[in-house]
Amino acid sequence: MGRQFAALLVALVLGPQMLTGCKSATEPSTDPVSFAAYAGWVGTWVGTDASHQINLQVLGGVSYKSCGAIESCEQYRDLLYTVSFSDGGTGYSGTNTSVFETNLVSRLVSHPDLAPGEVEFVLRTEDVTGRPGVHLVTTFRGTLKGSQEANGAVFVRLFDSNTMAAPVTTGAFAMTLRKQ
């Protein structure tokens, strides 16, 4: 009777982990697009375009585990960033602090068109005056080129939350960031 009780206790404790496939915290992640693909972004970056100045500070967030219903658990670290952006043409100048999620599932939901290792940092978000529910969002999207340079583009898009329509791109221009 004691062995049956011990077996039942072990099954109750280990069963859920075996069903979800969760690894122990000491096992390394096998996800090829986890934080390692984004680690090179950690640091300070400056844009090379004088009329659109970008100063980007990127940090690695706290490590966390994400478990899927059927998949095994994976370790992730998101990119925490603060960016100062100024647009010489419009006179805009501001700072934004946010998170870029490296978790594959979260990234696919929030950025379905990004390639692995590619990032998109929000530079500016504001409501469009006189158009309720319409937002102007300016982002930098890019990829690392070596360890000291990132190539990409700045996109200016309009989003209409009233109609749930896809964003309309109002402009885009190439931008290179250099690590300081």
C-alpha atoms as a PDB file:
ATOM      1  CA  MET A   1       0.000   0.000   0.000  1.00  0.00           C
ATOM      2  CA  GLY A   2       2.876   2.387   0.832  1.00  0.00           C
ATOM      3  CA  ARG A   3       4.494   1.872  -2.603  1.00  0.00           C
ATOM      4  CA  GLN A   4       1.212   2.548  -4.393  1.00  0.00           C
ATOM      5  CA  PHE A   5       0.769   5.758  -2.399  1.00  0.00           C
ATOM      6  CA  ALA A   6       4.366   6.837  -3.174  1.00  0.00           C
ATOM      7  CA  ALA A   7       3.846   6.093  -6.902  1.00  0.00           C
ATOM      8  CA  LEU A   8       0.614   8.089  -6.881  1.00  0.00           C
ATOM      9  CA  LEU A   9       2.360  11.008  -5.160  1.00  0.00           C
ATOM     10  CA  VAL A  10       5.221  10.987  -7.717  1.00  0.00           C
ATOM     11  CA  ALA A  11       2.688  10.855 -10.582  1.00  0.00           C
ATOM     12  CA  LEU A  12       0.783  13.827  -9.160  1.00  0.00           C
ATOM     13  CA  VAL A  13       3.952  15.904  -8.767  1.00  0.00           C
ATOM     14  CA  LEU A  14       5.721  14.983 -12.027  1.00  0.00           C
ATOM     15  CA  GLY A  15       2.708  14.251 -14.234  1.00  0.00           C
ATOM     16  CA  PRO A  16       1.826  17.852 -15.167  1.00  0.00           C
ATOM     17  CA  GLN A  17       5.467  18.608 -16.056  1.00  0.00           C
ATOM     18  CA  MET A  18       5.689  15.486 -18.212  1.00  0.00           C
ATOM     19  CA  LEU A  19       2.427  16.360 -19.997  1.00  0.00           C
ATOM     20  CA  THR A  20       3.511  19.922 -20.813  1.00  0.00           C
ATOM     21  CA  GLY A  21       7.095  18.931 -21.529  1.00  0.00           C
ATOM     22  CA  CYS A  22       8.539  21.612 -19.236  1.00  0.00           C
ATOM     23  CA  LYS A  23      12.258  21.376 -18.702  1.00  0.00           C
ATOM     24  CA  SER A  24      13.982  22.195 -15.484  1.00  0.00           C
ATOM     25  CA  ALA A  25      15.266  25.736 -15.096  1.00  0.00           C
ATOM     26  CA  THR A  26      18.846  24.503 -15.529  1.00  0.00           C
ATOM     27  CA  GLU A  27      18.315  23.006 -18.985  1.00  0.00           C
ATOM     28  CA  PRO A  28      19.296  25.322 -21.853  1.00  0.00           C
ATOM     29  CA  SER A  29      16.742  26.643 -24.304  1.00  0.00           C
ATOM     30  CA  THR A  30      16.643  24.944 -27.693  1.00  0.00           C
ATOM     31  CA  ASP A  31      14.652  27.741 -29.353  1.00  0.00           C
ATOM     32  CA  PRO A  32      16.863  29.046 -32.206  1.00  0.00           C
ATOM     33  CA  VAL A  33      15.235  32.499 -32.177  1.00  0.00           C
ATOM     34  CA  SER A  34      15.365  33.103 -28.420  1.00  0.00           C
ATOM     35  CA  PHE A  35      17.339  35.937 -26.822  1.00  0.00           C
ATOM     36  CA  ALA A  36      20.624  34.835 -28.432  1.00  0.00           C
ATOM     37  CA  ALA A  37      19.361  36.081 -31.803  1.00  0.00           C
ATOM     38  CA  TYR A  38      18.722  39.525 -30.277  1.00  0.00           C
ATOM     39  CA  ALA A  39      21.577  39.832 -27.757  1.00  0.00           C
ATOM     40  CA  GLY A  40      23.655  41.945 -30.159  1.00  0.00           C
ATOM     41  CA  TRP A  41      21.088  44.751 -29.856  1.00  0.00           C
ATOM     42  CA  VAL A  42      21.965  45.351 -26.203  1.00  0.00           C
ATOM     43  CA  GLY A  43      23.800  48.663 -25.982  1.00  0.00           C
ATOM     44  CA  THR A  44      23.523  52.276 -27.125  1.00  0.00           C
ATOM     45  CA  TRP A  45      22.758  53.076 -30.762  1.00  0.00           C
ATOM     46  CA  VAL A  46      22.751  56.385 -32.635  1.00  0.00           C
ATOM     47  CA  GLY A  47      21.120  57.084 -36.003  1.00  0.00           C
ATOM     48  CA  THR A  48      23.225  58.429 -38.867  1.00  0.00           C
ATOM     49  CA  ASP A  49      20.521  60.654 -40.417  1.00  0.00           C
ATOM     50  CA  ALA A  50      20.955  64.260 -39.212  1.00  0.00           C
ATOM     51  CA  SER A  51      17.362  65.305 -40.015  1.00  0.00           C
ATOM     52  CA  HIS A  52      15.832  62.391 -38.046  1.00  0.00           C
ATOM     53  CA  GLN A  53      17.876  61.824 -34.917  1.00  0.00           C
ATOM     54  CA  ILE A  54      17.598  58.544 -33.031  1.00  0.00           C
ATOM     55  CA  ASN A  55      19.327  57.705 -29.769  1.00  0.00           C
ATOM     56  CA  LEU A  56      18.425  54.161 -28.699  1.00  0.00           C
ATOM     57  CA  GLN A  57      19.363  52.440 -25.423  1.00  0.00           C
ATOM     58  CA  VAL A  58      18.620  48.695 -25.402  1.00  0.00           C
ATOM     59  CA  LEU A  59      18.846  46.433 -22.341  1.00  0.00           C
ATOM     60  CA  GLY A  60      18.202  42.722 -21.894  1.00  0.00           C
ATOM     61  CA  GLY A  61      15.203  42.098 -19.675  1.00  0.00           C
ATOM     62  CA  VAL A  62      14.767  39.594 -16.880  1.00  0.00           C
ATOM     63  CA  SER A  63      14.922  35.950 -17.942  1.00  0.00           C
ATOM     64  CA  TYR A  64      11.554  34.159 -17.899  1.00  0.00           C
ATOM     65  CA  LYS A  65      10.141  30.802 -18.911  1.00  0.00           C
ATOM     66  CA  SER A  66       7.293  30.411 -21.394  1.00  0.00           C
ATOM     67  CA  CYS A  67       5.510  27.058 -21.683  1.00  0.00           C
ATOM     68  CA  GLY A  68       3.191  26.034 -24.499  1.00  0.00           C
ATOM     69  CA  ALA A  69       0.311  23.615 -24.070  1.00  0.00           C
ATOM     70  CA  ILE A  70       2.087  20.858 -25.994  1.00  0.00           C
ATOM     71  CA  GLU A  71       5.568  22.278 -26.530  1.00  0.00           C
ATOM     72  CA  SER A  72       8.366  22.241 -24.027  1.00  0.00           C
ATOM     73  CA  CYS A  73       9.197  25.308 -21.981  1.00  0.00           C
ATOM     74  CA  GLU A  74      11.744  27.812 -23.237  1.00  0.00           C
ATOM     75  CA  GLN A  75      13.761  30.550 -21.529  1.00  0.00           C
ATOM     76  CA  TYR A  76      13.440  34.089 -22.924  1.00  0.00           C
ATOM     77  CA  ARG A  77      14.698  37.605 -22.274  1.00  0.00           C
ATOM     78  CA  ASP A  78      12.936  40.510 -23.922  1.00  0.00           C
ATOM     79  CA  LEU A  79      14.624  43.693 -25.113  1.00  0.00           C
ATOM     80  CA  LEU A  80      13.804  46.704 -22.941  1.00  0.00           C
ATOM     81  CA  TYR A  81      14.455  49.944 -24.750  1.00  0.00           C
ATOM     82  CA  THR A  82      14.322  53.699 -24.395  1.00  0.00           C
ATOM     83  CA  VAL A  83      14.545  55.788 -27.531  1.00  0.00           C
ATOM     84  CA  SER A  84      14.801  59.523 -28.072  1.00  0.00           C
ATOM     85  CA  PHE A  85      13.606  60.559 -31.515  1.00  0.00           C
ATOM     86  CA  SER A  86      13.523  63.956 -33.166  1.00  0.00           C
ATOM     87  CA  ASP A  87      12.221  64.855 -36.597  1.00  0.00           C
ATOM     88  CA  GLY A  88      13.781  68.022 -38.007  1.00  0.00           C
ATOM     89  CA  GLY A  89      11.037  68.373 -40.636  1.00  0.00           C
ATOM     90  CA  THR A  90       8.078  68.420 -38.226  1.00  0.00           C
ATOM     91  CA  GLY A  91       9.856  69.697 -35.134  1.00  0.00           C
ATOM     92  CA  TYR A  92       8.779  66.622 -33.149  1.00  0.00           C
ATOM     93  CA  SER A  93      11.039  65.552 -30.300  1.00  0.00           C
ATOM     94  CA  GLY A  94      10.193  62.923 -27.707  1.00  0.00           C
ATOM     95  CA  THR A  95      11.168  59.815 -25.780  1.00  0.00           C
ATOM     96  CA  ASN A  96       9.515  56.407 -25.702  1.00  0.00           C
ATOM     97  CA  THR A  97      10.193  53.450 -23.413  1.00  0.00           C
ATOM     98  CA  SER A  98       8.866  50.009 -24.296  1.00  0.00           C
ATOM     99  CA  VAL A  99       9.594  46.290 -24.705  1.00  0.00           C
ATOM    100  CA  PHE A 100      10.348  44.197 -27.784  1.00  0.00           C
ATOM    101  CA  GLU A 101       9.296  40.600 -27.037  1.00  0.00           C
ATOM    102  CA  THR A 102      11.713  37.887 -28.169  1.00  0.00           C
ATOM    103  CA  ASN A 103       9.338  35.027 -27.289  1.00  0.00           C
ATOM    104  CA  LEU A 104       8.529  33.513 -30.690  1.00  0.00           C
ATOM    105  CA  VAL A 105       4.786  33.179 -30.045  1.00  0.00           C
ATOM    106  CA  SER A 106       4.432  36.731 -28.672  1.00  0.00           C
ATOM    107  CA  ARG A 107       6.595  38.132 -31.467  1.00  0.00           C
ATOM    108  CA  LEU A 108       4.511  36.411 -34.150  1.00  0.00           C
ATOM    109  CA  VAL A 109       1.321  37.889 -32.672  1.00  0.00           C
ATOM    110  CA  SER A 110       2.645  41.440 -32.291  1.00  0.00           C
ATOM    111  CA  HIS A 111       4.942  41.476 -35.369  1.00  0.00           C
ATOM    112  CA  PRO A 112       3.843  38.709 -37.790  1.00  0.00           C
ATOM    113  CA  ASP A 113       5.889  40.092 -40.680  1.00  0.00           C
ATOM    114  CA  LEU A 114       9.283  40.292 -38.915  1.00  0.00           C
ATOM    115  CA  ALA A 115      12.034  37.864 -39.873  1.00  0.00           C
ATOM    116  CA  PRO A 116      13.941  36.044 -37.081  1.00  0.00           C
ATOM    117  CA  GLY A 117      16.475  38.439 -35.566  1.00  0.00           C
ATOM    118  CA  GLU A 118      14.725  41.496 -37.023  1.00  0.00           C
ATOM    119  CA  VAL A 119      13.372  44.067 -34.551  1.00  0.00           C
ATOM    120  CA  GLU A 120      10.895  46.912 -34.574  1.00  0.00           C
ATOM    121  CA  PHE A 121      11.276  49.690 -32.000  1.00  0.00           C
ATOM    122  CA  VAL A 122       8.478  52.240 -31.522  1.00  0.00           C
ATOM    123  CA  LEU A 123       9.875  55.765 -31.850  1.00  0.00           C
ATOM    124  CA  ARG A 124       6.648  57.733 -31.526  1.00  0.00           C
ATOM    125  CA  THR A 125       2.931  57.127 -30.984  1.00  0.00           C
ATOM    126  CA  GLU A 126       0.305  59.840 -30.934  1.00  0.00           C
ATOM    127  CA  ASP A 127      -3.361  60.432 -31.635  1.00  0.00           C
ATOM    128  CA  VAL A 128      -4.120  62.282 -34.864  1.00  0.00           C
ATOM    129  CA  THR A 129      -5.806  65.601 -34.051  1.00  0.00           C
ATOM    130  CA  GLY A 130      -9.392  65.784 -35.287  1.00  0.00           C
ATOM    131  CA  ARG A 131      -9.553  62.063 -36.142  1.00  0.00           C
ATOM    132  CA  PRO A 132     -10.742  60.063 -33.094  1.00  0.00           C
ATOM    133  CA  GLY A 133      -9.323  56.537 -33.009  1.00  0.00           C
ATOM    134  CA  VAL A 134      -6.606  57.255 -35.576  1.00  0.00           C
ATOM    135  CA  HIS A 135      -3.024  56.932 -34.344  1.00  0.00           C
ATOM    136  CA  LEU A 136       0.259  57.928 -35.944  1.00  0.00           C
ATOM    137  CA  VAL A 137       2.987  55.388 -35.159  1.00  0.00           C
ATOM    138  CA  THR A 138       6.624  55.854 -36.153  1.00  0.00           C
ATOM    139  CA  THR A 139       8.933  52.834 -35.837  1.00  0.00           C
ATOM    140  CA  PHE A 140      12.464  51.755 -36.659  1.00  0.00           C
ATOM    141  CA  ARG A 141      12.674  48.273 -38.164  1.00  0.00           C
ATOM    142  CA  GLY A 142      16.063  46.723 -38.771  1.00  0.00           C
ATOM    143  CA  THR A 143      18.590  43.931 -38.578  1.00  0.00           C
ATOM    144  CA  LEU A 144      22.126  43.758 -37.265  1.00  0.00           C
ATOM    145  CA  LYS A 145      24.984  44.006 -39.742  1.00  0.00           C
ATOM    146  CA  GLY A 146      28.005  42.803 -37.823  1.00  0.00           C
ATOM    147  CA  SER A 147      28.353  43.925 -34.231  1.00  0.00           C
ATOM    148  CA  GLN A 148      28.500  47.696 -34.640  1.00  0.00           C
ATOM    149  CA  GLU A 149      25.895  48.579 -37.255  1.00  0.00           C
ATOM    150  CA  ALA A 150      22.192  48.024 -37.846  1.00  0.00           C
ATOM    151  CA  ASN A 151      20.490  48.616 -41.190  1.00  0.00           C
ATOM    152  CA  GLY A 152      16.821  49.336 -41.466  1.00  0.00           C
ATOM    153  CA  ALA A 153      14.131  51.883 -42.128  1.00  0.00           C
ATOM    154  CA  VAL A 154      11.904  54.292 -40.270  1.00  0.00           C
ATOM    155  CA  PHE A 155       8.209  53.758 -41.043  1.00  0.00           C
ATOM    156  CA  VAL A 156       5.428  56.252 -40.418  1.00  0.00           C
ATOM    157  CA  ARG A 157       2.018  54.546 -40.302  1.00  0.00           C
ATOM    158  CA  LEU A 158      -1.568  55.461 -39.562  1.00  0.00           C
ATOM    159  CA  PHE A 159      -3.713  53.011 -37.604  1.00  0.00           C
ATOM    160  CA  ASP A 160      -7.493  53.358 -37.335  1.00  0.00           C
ATOM    161  CA  SER A 161      -8.712  51.527 -34.232  1.00  0.00           C
ATOM    162  CA  ASN A 162     -12.332  52.381 -35.112  1.00  0.00           C
ATOM    163  CA  THR A 163     -12.358  50.265 -38.282  1.00  0.00           C
ATOM    164  CA  MET A 164      -9.624  47.794 -37.229  1.00  0.00           C
ATOM    165  CA  ALA A 165      -8.154  48.347 -40.687  1.00  0.00           C
ATOM    166  CA  ALA A 166      -4.594  47.369 -41.485  1.00  0.00           C
ATOM    167  CA  PRO A 167      -2.098  50.183 -41.033  1.00  0.00           C
ATOM    168  CA  VAL A 168      -1.576  52.551 -43.905  1.00  0.00           C
ATOM    169  CA  THR A 169       2.075  53.422 -44.417  1.00  0.00           C
ATOM    170  CA  THR A 170       2.435  57.135 -44.978  1.00  0.00           C
ATOM    171  CA  GLY A 171       6.197  57.157 -45.400  1.00  0.00           C
ATOM    172  CA  ALA A 172       9.417  55.220 -45.021  1.00  0.00           C
ATOM    173  CA  PHE A 173      13.089  56.090 -45.295  1.00  0.00           C
ATOM    174  CA  ALA A 174      16.339  54.173 -44.834  1.00  0.00           C
ATOM    175  CA  MET A 175      18.189  54.552 -41.550  1.00  0.00           C
ATOM    176  CA  THR A 176      21.455  53.146 -40.231  1.00  0.00           C
ATOM    177  CA  LEU A 177      22.165  52.892 -36.512  1.00  0.00           C
ATOM    178  CA  ARG A 178      25.715  52.682 -35.160  1.00  0.00           C
ATOM    179  CA  LYS A 179      26.667  51.235 -31.793  1.00  0.00           C
ATOM    180  CA  GLN A 180      28.371  53.676 -29.445  1.00  0.00           C
END
